[in-house]
């Protein structure tokens, strides 16, 4: 299997018109395939949650960041605050998934059924 084969396979699975990836010098088609499979599984798990749960996870992550900024402001660490605020992202799959799963468990709700990407 070539890189082009792997990219085309995952492009079709995602239903995308194009798929671009950056490759490290030591990358292999098999490694790329495994990484895209992993990312697809994480994305499917994320997409299985309700929109309001996804937004609540983002709010929780932002609150955590604001608490950290509050402490840094009290210490006068403005350089670190600038560094932190430059890294605010809309989605952090790992953190948001962990928060949503924990919230479901706390409410004794089952985790959502996962639909594979492109299905």
PDB file of N, CA and C in Angstrom:
ATOM      1  N   UNK A   1       0.851  -1.182   0.000  1.00  0.00           N
ATOM      2  CA  UNK A   1       0.000   0.000   0.000  1.00  0.00           C
ATOM      3  C   UNK A   1       0.897   1.245   0.000  1.00  0.00           C
ATOM      4  N   UNK A   2       0.554   2.226  -0.803  1.00  0.00           N
ATOM      5  CA  UNK A   2       1.332   3.461  -0.893  1.00  0.00           C
ATOM      6  C   UNK A   2       0.667   4.559  -0.064  1.00  0.00           C
ATOM      7  N   UNK A   3       1.381   5.677   0.118  1.00  0.00           N
ATOM      8  CA  UNK A   3       0.786   6.824   0.811  1.00  0.00           C
ATOM      9  C   UNK A   3      -0.473   7.289   0.080  1.00  0.00           C
ATOM     10  N   UNK A   4      -0.399   7.343  -1.246  1.00  0.00           N
ATOM     11  CA  UNK A   4      -1.569   7.775  -2.018  1.00  0.00           C
ATOM     12  C   UNK A   4      -2.758   6.845  -1.793  1.00  0.00           C
ATOM     13  N   UNK A   5      -2.498   5.536  -1.713  1.00  0.00           N
ATOM     14  CA  UNK A   5      -3.575   4.572  -1.453  1.00  0.00           C
ATOM     15  C   UNK A   5      -4.218   4.826  -0.092  1.00  0.00           C
ATOM     16  N   UNK A   6      -3.380   5.042   0.916  1.00  0.00           N
ATOM     17  CA  UNK A   6      -3.878   5.285   2.277  1.00  0.00           C
ATOM     18  C   UNK A   6      -4.705   6.565   2.320  1.00  0.00           C
ATOM     19  N   UNK A   7      -4.185   7.619   1.725  1.00  0.00           N
ATOM     20  CA  UNK A   7      -4.890   8.904   1.741  1.00  0.00           C
ATOM     21  C   UNK A   7      -6.223   8.782   1.017  1.00  0.00           C
ATOM     22  N   UNK A   8      -6.238   8.114  -0.126  1.00  0.00           N
ATOM     23  CA  UNK A   8      -7.483   7.952  -0.881  1.00  0.00           C
ATOM     24  C   UNK A   8      -8.493   7.115  -0.095  1.00  0.00           C
ATOM     25  N   UNK A   9      -8.034   6.068   0.560  1.00  0.00           N
ATOM     26  CA  UNK A   9      -8.918   5.221   1.374  1.00  0.00           C
ATOM     27  C   UNK A   9      -9.610   6.048   2.454  1.00  0.00           C
ATOM     28  N   UNK A  10      -8.855   6.863   3.152  1.00  0.00           N
ATOM     29  CA  UNK A  10      -9.425   7.650   4.247  1.00  0.00           C
ATOM     30  C   UNK A  10     -10.231   8.844   3.733  1.00  0.00           C
ATOM     31  N   UNK A  11      -9.867   9.376   2.591  1.00  0.00           N
ATOM     32  CA  UNK A  11     -10.654  10.455   1.990  1.00  0.00           C
ATOM     33  C   UNK A  11     -12.044   9.938   1.640  1.00  0.00           C
ATOM     34  N   UNK A  12     -12.096   8.772   1.020  1.00  0.00           N
ATOM     35  CA  UNK A  12     -13.381   8.176   0.658  1.00  0.00           C
ATOM     36  C   UNK A  12     -14.200   7.836   1.899  1.00  0.00           C
ATOM     37  N   UNK A  13     -13.550   7.280   2.919  1.00  0.00           N
ATOM     38  CA  UNK A  13     -14.258   6.911   4.152  1.00  0.00           C
ATOM     39  C   UNK A  13     -14.865   8.125   4.834  1.00  0.00           C
ATOM     40  N   UNK A  14     -14.178   9.255   4.744  1.00  0.00           N
ATOM     41  CA  UNK A  14     -14.673  10.479   5.383  1.00  0.00           C
ATOM     42  C   UNK A  14     -15.660  11.224   4.495  1.00  0.00           C
ATOM     43  N   UNK A  15     -15.762  10.816   3.243  1.00  0.00           N
ATOM     44  CA  UNK A  15     -16.645  11.522   2.322  1.00  0.00           C
ATOM     45  C   UNK A  15     -16.137  12.913   1.981  1.00  0.00           C
ATOM     46  N   UNK A  16     -14.830  13.082   2.034  1.00  0.00           N
ATOM     47  CA  UNK A  16     -14.222  14.398   1.791  1.00  0.00           C
ATOM     48  C   UNK A  16     -13.832  14.541   0.320  1.00  0.00           C
ATOM     49  N   UNK A  17     -13.811  15.782  -0.151  1.00  0.00           N
ATOM     50  CA  UNK A  17     -13.381  16.021  -1.529  1.00  0.00           C
ATOM     51  C   UNK A  17     -11.859  15.988  -1.638  1.00  0.00           C
ATOM     52  N   UNK A  18     -11.170  16.243  -0.525  1.00  0.00           N
ATOM     53  CA  UNK A  18      -9.710  16.147  -0.513  1.00  0.00           C
ATOM     54  C   UNK A  18      -9.254  15.844   0.909  1.00  0.00           C
ATOM     55  N   UNK A  19      -8.055  15.333   1.019  1.00  0.00           N
ATOM     56  CA  UNK A  19      -7.459  15.033   2.319  1.00  0.00           C
ATOM     57  C   UNK A  19      -5.975  15.328   2.200  1.00  0.00           C
ATOM     58  N   UNK A  20      -5.489  16.202   3.052  1.00  0.00           N
ATOM     59  CA  UNK A  20      -4.077  16.566   3.037  1.00  0.00           C
ATOM     60  C   UNK A  20      -3.457  16.165   4.375  1.00  0.00           C
ATOM     61  N   UNK A  21      -2.267  15.612   4.288  1.00  0.00           N
ATOM     62  CA  UNK A  21      -1.544  15.222   5.493  1.00  0.00           C
ATOM     63  C   UNK A  21      -0.099  15.682   5.378  1.00  0.00           C
ATOM     64  N   UNK A  22       0.523  15.918   6.513  1.00  0.00           N
ATOM     65  CA  UNK A  22       1.954  16.216   6.574  1.00  0.00           C
ATOM     66  C   UNK A  22       2.656  14.965   7.062  1.00  0.00           C
ATOM     67  N   UNK A  23       3.726  14.611   6.406  1.00  0.00           N
ATOM     68  CA  UNK A  23       4.437  13.386   6.745  1.00  0.00           C
ATOM     69  C   UNK A  23       5.821  13.693   7.293  1.00  0.00           C
ATOM     70  N   UNK A  24       6.181  12.999   8.359  1.00  0.00           N
ATOM     71  CA  UNK A  24       7.533  13.078   8.904  1.00  0.00           C
ATOM     72  C   UNK A  24       8.456  12.260   7.998  1.00  0.00           C
ATOM     73  N   UNK A  25       9.753  12.541   8.030  1.00  0.00           N
ATOM     74  CA  UNK A  25      10.681  11.804   7.159  1.00  0.00           C
ATOM     75  C   UNK A  25      10.628  10.283   7.346  1.00  0.00           C
ATOM     76  N   UNK A  26      10.365   9.817   8.559  1.00  0.00           N
ATOM     77  CA  UNK A  26      10.357   8.377   8.823  1.00  0.00           C
ATOM     78  C   UNK A  26       8.968   7.756   8.684  1.00  0.00           C
ATOM     79  N   UNK A  27       8.012   8.486   8.146  1.00  0.00           N
ATOM     80  CA  UNK A  27       6.638   7.984   8.037  1.00  0.00           C
ATOM     81  C   UNK A  27       6.563   6.802   7.073  1.00  0.00           C
ATOM     82  N   UNK A  28       5.624   5.915   7.366  1.00  0.00           N
ATOM     83  CA  UNK A  28       5.358   4.773   6.491  1.00  0.00           C
ATOM     84  C   UNK A  28       3.876   4.777   6.142  1.00  0.00           C
ATOM     85  N   UNK A  29       3.496   4.168   5.027  1.00  0.00           N
ATOM     86  CA  UNK A  29       2.073   4.079   4.710  1.00  0.00           C
ATOM     87  C   UNK A  29       1.280   3.362   5.807  1.00  0.00           C
ATOM     88  N   UNK A  30       1.873   2.327   6.379  1.00  0.00           N
ATOM     89  CA  UNK A  30       1.189   1.585   7.440  1.00  0.00           C
ATOM     90  C   UNK A  30       0.992   2.454   8.681  1.00  0.00           C
ATOM     91  N   UNK A  31       2.019   3.234   9.025  1.00  0.00           N
ATOM     92  CA  UNK A  31       1.912   4.133  10.176  1.00  0.00           C
ATOM     93  C   UNK A  31       0.875   5.213   9.950  1.00  0.00           C
ATOM     94  N   UNK A  32       0.842   5.763   8.735  1.00  0.00           N
ATOM     95  CA  UNK A  32      -0.164   6.771   8.406  1.00  0.00           C
ATOM     96  C   UNK A  32      -1.560   6.175   8.480  1.00  0.00           C
ATOM     97  N   UNK A  33      -1.724   4.969   7.950  1.00  0.00           N
ATOM     98  CA  UNK A  33      -3.025   4.301   7.991  1.00  0.00           C
ATOM     99  C   UNK A  33      -3.481   4.105   9.431  1.00  0.00           C
ATOM    100  N   UNK A  34      -2.577   3.640  10.292  1.00  0.00           N
ATOM    101  CA  UNK A  34      -2.920   3.417  11.701  1.00  0.00           C
ATOM    102  C   UNK A  34      -3.292   4.727  12.388  1.00  0.00           C
ATOM    103  N   UNK A  35      -2.553   5.793  12.107  1.00  0.00           N
ATOM    104  CA  UNK A  35      -2.837   7.082  12.740  1.00  0.00           C
ATOM    105  C   UNK A  35      -4.164   7.654  12.256  1.00  0.00           C
ATOM    106  N   UNK A  36      -4.452   7.529  10.977  1.00  0.00           N
ATOM    107  CA  UNK A  36      -5.735   8.019  10.465  1.00  0.00           C
ATOM    108  C   UNK A  36      -6.896   7.186  11.007  1.00  0.00           C
ATOM    109  N   UNK A  37      -6.690   5.887  11.194  1.00  0.00           N
ATOM    110  CA  UNK A  37      -7.715   5.032  11.824  1.00  0.00           C
ATOM    111  C   UNK A  37      -7.966   5.484  13.258  1.00  0.00           C
ATOM    112  N   UNK A  38      -6.877   5.763  13.990  1.00  0.00           N
ATOM    113  CA  UNK A  38      -7.001   6.214  15.380  1.00  0.00           C
ATOM    114  C   UNK A  38      -7.753   7.538  15.440  1.00  0.00           C
ATOM    115  N   UNK A  39      -7.382   8.467  14.583  1.00  0.00           N
ATOM    116  CA  UNK A  39      -8.049   9.762  14.559  1.00  0.00           C
ATOM    117  C   UNK A  39      -9.519   9.620  14.176  1.00  0.00           C
ATOM    118  N   UNK A  40      -9.808   8.740  13.244  1.00  0.00           N
ATOM    119  CA  UNK A  40     -11.202   8.491  12.855  1.00  0.00           C
ATOM    120  C   UNK A  40     -12.021   7.937  14.004  1.00  0.00           C
ATOM    121  N   UNK A  41     -11.426   7.038  14.790  1.00  0.00           N
ATOM    122  CA  UNK A  41     -12.135   6.462  15.940  1.00  0.00           C
ATOM    123  C   UNK A  41     -12.397   7.518  17.010  1.00  0.00           C
ATOM    124  N   UNK A  42     -11.407   8.371  17.270  1.00  0.00           N
ATOM    125  CA  UNK A  42     -11.588   9.440  18.256  1.00  0.00           C
ATOM    126  C   UNK A  42     -12.652  10.421  17.776  1.00  0.00           C
ATOM    127  N   UNK A  43     -12.612  10.766  16.509  1.00  0.00           N
ATOM    128  CA  UNK A  43     -13.601  11.696  15.957  1.00  0.00           C
ATOM    129  C   UNK A  43     -15.004  11.109  16.026  1.00  0.00           C
ATOM    130  N   UNK A  44     -15.136   9.818  15.741  1.00  0.00           N
ATOM    131  CA  UNK A  44     -16.448   9.168  15.814  1.00  0.00           C
ATOM    132  C   UNK A  44     -16.972   9.176  17.246  1.00  0.00           C
ATOM    133  N   UNK A  45     -16.090   8.924  18.215  1.00  0.00           N
ATOM    134  CA  UNK A  45     -16.507   8.960  19.621  1.00  0.00           C
ATOM    135  C   UNK A  45     -16.952  10.362  20.007  1.00  0.00           C
ATOM    136  N   UNK A  46     -16.219  11.366  19.579  1.00  0.00           N
ATOM    137  CA  UNK A  46     -16.556  12.764  19.872  1.00  0.00           C
ATOM    138  C   UNK A  46     -17.906  13.130  19.259  1.00  0.00           C
ATOM    139  N   UNK A  47     -18.096  12.770  18.003  1.00  0.00           N
ATOM    140  CA  UNK A  47     -19.332  13.105  17.292  1.00  0.00           C
ATOM    141  C   UNK A  47     -20.554  12.374  17.834  1.00  0.00           C
ATOM    142  N   UNK A  48     -20.343  11.307  18.605  1.00  0.00           N
ATOM    143  CA  UNK A  48     -21.464  10.547  19.152  1.00  0.00           C
ATOM    144  C   UNK A  48     -22.155  11.272  20.307  1.00  0.00           C
ATOM    145  N   UNK A  49     -21.513  12.262  20.896  1.00  0.00           N
ATOM    146  CA  UNK A  49     -22.113  13.008  22.000  1.00  0.00           C
ATOM    147  C   UNK A  49     -23.066  14.070  21.471  1.00  0.00           C
ATOM    148  N   UNK A  50     -24.018  14.456  22.310  1.00  0.00           N
ATOM    149  CA  UNK A  50     -24.984  15.498  21.942  1.00  0.00           C
ATOM    150  C   UNK A  50     -24.269  16.845  21.839  1.00  0.00           C
ATOM    151  N   UNK A  51     -24.762  17.736  20.969  1.00  0.00           N
ATOM    152  CA  UNK A  51     -24.124  19.050  20.815  1.00  0.00           C
ATOM    153  C   UNK A  51     -23.987  19.807  22.133  1.00  0.00           C
ATOM    154  N   UNK A  52     -24.993  19.719  22.998  1.00  0.00           N
ATOM    155  CA  UNK A  52     -24.904  20.447  24.268  1.00  0.00           C
ATOM    156  C   UNK A  52     -23.819  19.867  25.177  1.00  0.00           C
ATOM    157  N   UNK A  53     -23.545  18.565  25.065  1.00  0.00           N
ATOM    158  CA  UNK A  53     -22.460  17.964  25.842  1.00  0.00           C
ATOM    159  C   UNK A  53     -21.102  18.434  25.317  1.00  0.00           C
ATOM    160  N   UNK A  54     -20.992  18.539  24.016  1.00  0.00           N
ATOM    161  CA  UNK A  54     -19.746  19.014  23.409  1.00  0.00           C
ATOM    162  C   UNK A  54     -19.469  20.446  23.845  1.00  0.00           C
ATOM    163  N   UNK A  55     -20.494  21.282  23.815  1.00  0.00           N
ATOM    164  CA  UNK A  55     -20.311  22.679  24.230  1.00  0.00           C
ATOM    165  C   UNK A  55     -19.995  22.774  25.722  1.00  0.00           C
ATOM    166  N   UNK A  56     -20.618  21.937  26.550  1.00  0.00           N
ATOM    167  CA  UNK A  56     -20.331  21.944  27.989  1.00  0.00           C
ATOM    168  C   UNK A  56     -18.880  21.548  28.247  1.00  0.00           C
ATOM    169  N   UNK A  57     -18.359  20.615  27.465  1.00  0.00           N
ATOM    170  CA  UNK A  57     -16.955  20.211  27.613  1.00  0.00           C
ATOM    171  C   UNK A  57     -16.026  21.369  27.260  1.00  0.00           C
ATOM    172  N   UNK A  58     -16.372  22.109  26.222  1.00  0.00           N
ATOM    173  CA  UNK A  58     -15.564  23.271  25.837  1.00  0.00           C
ATOM    174  C   UNK A  58     -15.581  24.322  26.939  1.00  0.00           C
ATOM    175  N   UNK A  59     -16.754  24.553  27.530  1.00  0.00           N
ATOM    176  CA  UNK A  59     -16.878  25.530  28.615  1.00  0.00           C
ATOM    177  C   UNK A  59     -16.036  25.091  29.807  1.00  0.00           C
ATOM    178  N   UNK A  60     -16.071  23.806  30.144  1.00  0.00           N
ATOM    179  CA  UNK A  60     -15.282  23.297  31.270  1.00  0.00           C
ATOM    180  C   UNK A  60     -13.790  23.506  31.022  1.00  0.00           C
ATOM    181  N   UNK A  61     -13.347  23.261  29.783  1.00  0.00           N
ATOM    182  CA  UNK A  61     -11.934  23.458  29.448  1.00  0.00           C
ATOM    183  C   UNK A  61     -11.561  24.932  29.538  1.00  0.00           C
ATOM    184  N   UNK A  62     -12.463  25.815  29.093  1.00  0.00           N
ATOM    185  CA  UNK A  62     -12.203  27.251  29.167  1.00  0.00           C
ATOM    186  C   UNK A  62     -12.159  27.730  30.616  1.00  0.00           C
ATOM    187  N   UNK A  63     -13.061  27.215  31.451  1.00  0.00           N
ATOM    188  CA  UNK A  63     -13.043  27.591  32.877  1.00  0.00           C
ATOM    189  C   UNK A  63     -11.726  27.192  33.531  1.00  0.00           C
ATOM    190  N   UNK A  64     -11.246  25.997  33.197  1.00  0.00           N
ATOM    191  CA  UNK A  64      -9.966  25.535  33.744  1.00  0.00           C
ATOM    192  C   UNK A  64      -8.843  26.482  33.324  1.00  0.00           C
ATOM    193  N   UNK A  65      -8.852  26.885  32.065  1.00  0.00           N
ATOM    194  CA  UNK A  65      -7.844  27.813  31.565  1.00  0.00           C
ATOM    195  C   UNK A  65      -7.949  29.162  32.271  1.00  0.00           C
ATOM    196  N   UNK A  66      -9.158  29.647  32.482  1.00  0.00           N
ATOM    197  CA  UNK A  66      -9.344  30.932  33.160  1.00  0.00           C
ATOM    198  C   UNK A  66      -8.856  30.884  34.607  1.00  0.00           C
ATOM    199  N   UNK A  67      -9.074  29.751  35.284  1.00  0.00           N
ATOM    200  CA  UNK A  67      -8.548  29.608  36.656  1.00  0.00           C
ATOM    201  C   UNK A  67      -7.026  29.702  36.650  1.00  0.00           C
ATOM    202  N   UNK A  68      -6.409  29.062  35.671  1.00  0.00           N
ATOM    203  CA  UNK A  68      -4.946  29.103  35.577  1.00  0.00           C
ATOM    204  C   UNK A  68      -4.466  30.525  35.284  1.00  0.00           C
ATOM    205  N   UNK A  69      -5.162  31.221  34.403  1.00  0.00           N
ATOM    206  CA  UNK A  69      -4.805  32.609  34.083  1.00  0.00           C
ATOM    207  C   UNK A  69      -4.971  33.499  35.306  1.00  0.00           C
ATOM    208  N   UNK A  70      -6.019  33.265  36.093  1.00  0.00           N
ATOM    209  CA  UNK A  70      -6.253  34.044  37.313  1.00  0.00           C
ATOM    210  C   UNK A  70      -5.059  33.913  38.265  1.00  0.00           C
ATOM    211  N   UNK A  71      -4.583  32.708  38.453  1.00  0.00           N
ATOM    212  CA  UNK A  71      -3.432  32.470  39.330  1.00  0.00           C
ATOM    213  C   UNK A  71      -2.188  33.148  38.757  1.00  0.00           C
ATOM    214  N   UNK A  72      -1.977  33.006  37.463  1.00  0.00           N
ATOM    215  CA  UNK A  72      -0.803  33.621  36.836  1.00  0.00           C
ATOM    216  C   UNK A  72      -0.862  35.144  36.898  1.00  0.00           C
ATOM    217  N   UNK A  73      -2.055  35.713  36.769  1.00  0.00           N
ATOM    218  CA  UNK A  73      -2.202  37.172  36.852  1.00  0.00           C
ATOM    219  C   UNK A  73      -1.823  37.661  38.237  1.00  0.00           C
ATOM    220  N   UNK A  74      -2.208  36.914  39.256  1.00  0.00           N
ATOM    221  CA  UNK A  74      -1.864  37.287  40.629  1.00  0.00           C
ATOM    222  C   UNK A  74      -0.354  37.230  40.844  1.00  0.00           C
ATOM    223  N   UNK A  75       0.317  36.373  40.091  1.00  0.00           N
ATOM    224  CA  UNK A  75       1.773  36.241  40.200  1.00  0.00           C
ATOM    225  C   UNK A  75       2.506  37.208  39.269  1.00  0.00           C
ATOM    226  N   UNK A  76       1.767  37.888  38.410  1.00  0.00           N
ATOM    227  CA  UNK A  76       2.385  38.811  37.462  1.00  0.00           C
ATOM    228  C   UNK A  76       3.096  38.123  36.310  1.00  0.00           C
ATOM    229  N   UNK A  77       2.705  36.909  36.011  1.00  0.00           N
ATOM    230  CA  UNK A  77       3.362  36.123  34.957  1.00  0.00           C
ATOM    231  C   UNK A  77       2.715  36.395  33.599  1.00  0.00           C
ATOM    232  N   UNK A  78       2.858  37.625  33.123  1.00  0.00           N
ATOM    233  CA  UNK A  78       2.171  38.015  31.889  1.00  0.00           C
ATOM    234  C   UNK A  78       2.661  37.255  30.659  1.00  0.00           C
ATOM    235  N   UNK A  79       3.942  36.922  30.602  1.00  0.00           N
ATOM    236  CA  UNK A  79       4.440  36.168  29.447  1.00  0.00           C
ATOM    237  C   UNK A  79       3.757  34.807  29.346  1.00  0.00           C
ATOM    238  N   UNK A  80       3.598  34.160  30.472  1.00  0.00           N
ATOM    239  CA  UNK A  80       2.940  32.843  30.486  1.00  0.00           C
ATOM    240  C   UNK A  80       1.465  32.984  30.109  1.00  0.00           C
ATOM    241  N   UNK A  81       0.822  34.056  30.540  1.00  0.00           N
ATOM    242  CA  UNK A  81      -0.581  34.285  30.183  1.00  0.00           C
ATOM    243  C   UNK A  81      -0.709  34.441  28.669  1.00  0.00           C
ATOM    244  N   UNK A  82       0.183  35.209  28.075  1.00  0.00           N
ATOM    245  CA  UNK A  82       0.164  35.387  26.615  1.00  0.00           C
ATOM    246  C   UNK A  82       0.350  34.041  25.920  1.00  0.00           C
ATOM    247  N   UNK A  83       1.268  33.228  26.424  1.00  0.00           N
ATOM    248  CA  UNK A  83       1.487  31.901  25.843  1.00  0.00           C
ATOM    249  C   UNK A  83       0.227  31.045  25.926  1.00  0.00           C
ATOM    250  N   UNK A  84      -0.417  31.047  27.085  1.00  0.00           N
ATOM    251  CA  UNK A  84      -1.622  30.235  27.274  1.00  0.00           C
ATOM    252  C   UNK A  84      -2.768  30.683  26.384  1.00  0.00           C
ATOM    253  N   UNK A  85      -2.999  31.975  26.322  1.00  0.00           N
ATOM    254  CA  UNK A  85      -4.145  32.458  25.554  1.00  0.00           C
ATOM    255  C   UNK A  85      -3.929  32.312  24.059  1.00  0.00           C
ATOM    256  N   UNK A  86      -2.699  32.214  23.632  1.00  0.00           N
ATOM    257  CA  UNK A  86      -2.428  31.967  22.221  1.00  0.00           C
ATOM    258  C   UNK A  86      -2.711  30.538  21.810  1.00  0.00           C
ATOM    259  N   UNK A  87      -2.923  29.666  22.782  1.00  0.00           N
ATOM    260  CA  UNK A  87      -3.153  28.249  22.503  1.00  0.00           C
ATOM    261  C   UNK A  87      -4.603  27.821  22.682  1.00  0.00           C
ATOM    262  N   UNK A  88      -5.524  28.753  22.840  1.00  0.00           N
ATOM    263  CA  UNK A  88      -6.929  28.389  23.025  1.00  0.00           C
ATOM    264  C   UNK A  88      -7.448  27.814  21.709  1.00  0.00           C
ATOM    265  N   UNK A  89      -7.941  26.599  21.779  1.00  0.00           N
ATOM    266  CA  UNK A  89      -8.459  25.933  20.581  1.00  0.00           C
ATOM    267  C   UNK A  89      -9.946  25.660  20.743  1.00  0.00           C
ATOM    268  N   UNK A  90     -10.626  25.536  19.629  1.00  0.00           N
ATOM    269  CA  UNK A  90     -12.058  25.290  19.651  1.00  0.00           C
ATOM    270  C   UNK A  90     -12.373  23.873  20.122  1.00  0.00           C
ATOM    271  N   UNK A  91     -11.532  22.911  19.753  1.00  0.00           N
ATOM    272  CA  UNK A  91     -11.775  21.511  20.100  1.00  0.00           C
ATOM    273  C   UNK A  91     -10.475  20.882  20.576  1.00  0.00           C
ATOM    274  N   UNK A  92     -10.535  20.202  21.698  1.00  0.00           N
ATOM    275  CA  UNK A  92      -9.441  19.364  22.163  1.00  0.00           C
ATOM    276  C   UNK A  92     -10.066  17.988  22.352  1.00  0.00           C
ATOM    277  N   UNK A  93      -9.928  17.125  21.353  1.00  0.00           N
ATOM    278  CA  UNK A  93     -10.636  15.848  21.362  1.00  0.00           C
ATOM    279  C   UNK A  93     -10.407  15.060  22.641  1.00  0.00           C
ATOM    280  N   UNK A  94      -9.159  14.921  23.057  1.00  0.00           N
ATOM    281  CA  UNK A  94      -8.871  14.101  24.233  1.00  0.00           C
ATOM    282  C   UNK A  94      -9.484  14.685  25.501  1.00  0.00           C
ATOM    283  N   UNK A  95      -9.262  15.981  25.759  1.00  0.00           N
ATOM    284  CA  UNK A  95      -9.802  16.599  26.977  1.00  0.00           C
ATOM    285  C   UNK A  95     -11.324  16.653  26.952  1.00  0.00           C
ATOM    286  N   UNK A  96     -11.887  17.035  25.809  1.00  0.00           N
ATOM    287  CA  UNK A  96     -13.338  17.150  25.723  1.00  0.00           C
ATOM    288  C   UNK A  96     -14.010  15.787  25.857  1.00  0.00           C
ATOM    289  N   UNK A  97     -13.443  14.760  25.220  1.00  0.00           N
ATOM    290  CA  UNK A  97     -14.005  13.410  25.351  1.00  0.00           C
ATOM    291  C   UNK A  97     -13.946  12.926  26.795  1.00  0.00           C
ATOM    292  N   UNK A  98     -12.818  13.144  27.449  1.00  0.00           N
ATOM    293  CA  UNK A  98     -12.687  12.719  28.848  1.00  0.00           C
ATOM    294  C   UNK A  98     -13.733  13.405  29.711  1.00  0.00           C
ATOM    295  N   UNK A  99     -13.946  14.704  29.497  1.00  0.00           N
ATOM    296  CA  UNK A  99     -14.922  15.445  30.293  1.00  0.00           C
ATOM    297  C   UNK A  99     -16.329  14.926  30.023  1.00  0.00           C
ATOM    298  N   UNK A 100     -16.686  14.714  28.749  1.00  0.00           N
ATOM    299  CA  UNK A 100     -18.038  14.250  28.410  1.00  0.00           C
ATOM    300  C   UNK A 100     -18.294  12.843  28.944  1.00  0.00           C
ATOM    301  N   UNK A 101     -17.289  11.978  28.849  1.00  0.00           N
ATOM    302  CA  UNK A 101     -17.461  10.620  29.385  1.00  0.00           C
ATOM    303  C   UNK A 101     -17.653  10.658  30.904  1.00  0.00           C
ATOM    304  N   UNK A 102     -16.855  11.478  31.580  1.00  0.00           N
ATOM    305  CA  UNK A 102     -16.981  11.589  33.039  1.00  0.00           C
ATOM    306  C   UNK A 102     -18.341  12.162  33.425  1.00  0.00           C
ATOM    307  N   UNK A 103     -18.825  13.146  32.666  1.00  0.00           N
ATOM    308  CA  UNK A 103     -20.135  13.735  32.962  1.00  0.00           C
ATOM    309  C   UNK A 103     -21.240  12.704  32.792  1.00  0.00           C
ATOM    310  N   UNK A 104     -21.153  11.875  31.754  1.00  0.00           N
ATOM    311  CA  UNK A 104     -22.153  10.822  31.550  1.00  0.00           C
ATOM    312  C   UNK A 104     -22.104   9.813  32.701  1.00  0.00           C
ATOM    313  N   UNK A 105     -20.902   9.421  33.096  1.00  0.00           N
ATOM    314  CA  UNK A 105     -20.764   8.457  34.189  1.00  0.00           C
ATOM    315  C   UNK A 105     -21.307   9.030  35.488  1.00  0.00           C
ATOM    316  N   UNK A 106     -21.055  10.310  35.732  1.00  0.00           N
ATOM    317  CA  UNK A 106     -21.551  10.967  36.944  1.00  0.00           C
ATOM    318  C   UNK A 106     -23.079  10.958  36.979  1.00  0.00           C
ATOM    319  N   UNK A 107     -23.706  11.112  35.816  1.00  0.00           N
ATOM    320  CA  UNK A 107     -25.171  11.094  35.727  1.00  0.00           C
ATOM    321  C   UNK A 107     -25.708   9.674  35.568  1.00  0.00           C
ATOM    322  N   UNK A 108     -24.833   8.696  35.596  1.00  0.00           N
ATOM    323  CA  UNK A 108     -25.187   7.281  35.395  1.00  0.00           C
ATOM    324  C   UNK A 108     -25.877   7.053  34.056  1.00  0.00           C
ATOM    325  N   UNK A 109     -25.449   7.788  33.044  1.00  0.00           N
ATOM    326  CA  UNK A 109     -25.967   7.610  31.687  1.00  0.00           C
ATOM    327  C   UNK A 109     -24.981   6.768  30.895  1.00  0.00           C
ATOM    328  N   UNK A 110     -25.482   5.948  29.986  1.00  0.00           N
ATOM    329  CA  UNK A 110     -24.562   5.171  29.152  1.00  0.00           C
ATOM    330  C   UNK A 110     -23.832   6.073  28.167  1.00  0.00           C
ATOM    331  N   UNK A 111     -22.669   5.617  27.754  1.00  0.00           N
ATOM    332  CA  UNK A 111     -21.938   6.349  26.719  1.00  0.00           C
ATOM    333  C   UNK A 111     -22.685   6.187  25.402  1.00  0.00           C
ATOM    334  N   UNK A 112     -22.600   7.164  24.520  1.00  0.00           N
ATOM    335  CA  UNK A 112     -23.333   7.066  23.259  1.00  0.00           C
ATOM    336  C   UNK A 112     -22.768   5.982  22.353  1.00  0.00           C
ATOM    337  N   UNK A 113     -23.628   5.462  21.489  1.00  0.00           N
ATOM    338  CA  UNK A 113     -23.180   4.499  20.488  1.00  0.00           C
ATOM    339  C   UNK A 113     -22.322   5.243  19.481  1.00  0.00           C
ATOM    340  N   UNK A 114     -21.254   4.620  19.087  1.00  0.00           N
ATOM    341  CA  UNK A 114     -20.312   5.267  18.173  1.00  0.00           C
ATOM    342  C   UNK A 114     -20.588   4.799  16.751  1.00  0.00           C
ATOM    343  N   UNK A 115     -20.759   5.765  15.859  1.00  0.00           N
ATOM    344  CA  UNK A 115     -20.930   5.490  14.438  1.00  0.00           C
ATOM    345  C   UNK A 115     -19.615   5.823  13.753  1.00  0.00           C
ATOM    346  N   UNK A 116     -19.007   4.855  13.059  1.00  0.00           N
ATOM    347  CA  UNK A 116     -17.730   5.134  12.398  1.00  0.00           C
ATOM    348  C   UNK A 116     -17.853   6.290  11.415  1.00  0.00           C
ATOM    349  N   UNK A 117     -16.767   7.037  11.245  1.00  0.00           N
ATOM    350  CA  UNK A 117     -16.750   8.153  10.296  1.00  0.00           C
ATOM    351  C   UNK A 117     -17.069   7.646   8.907  1.00  0.00           C
ATOM    352  N   UNK A 118     -17.831   8.447   8.185  1.00  0.00           N
ATOM    353  CA  UNK A 118     -18.178   8.099   6.821  1.00  0.00           C
ATOM    354  C   UNK A 118     -19.307   7.103   6.711  1.00  0.00           C
ATOM    355  N   UNK A 119     -19.884   6.671   7.839  1.00  0.00           N
ATOM    356  CA  UNK A 119     -20.967   5.683   7.785  1.00  0.00           C
ATOM    357  C   UNK A 119     -22.308   6.356   7.669  1.00  0.00           C
TER     358      UNK A 119
END
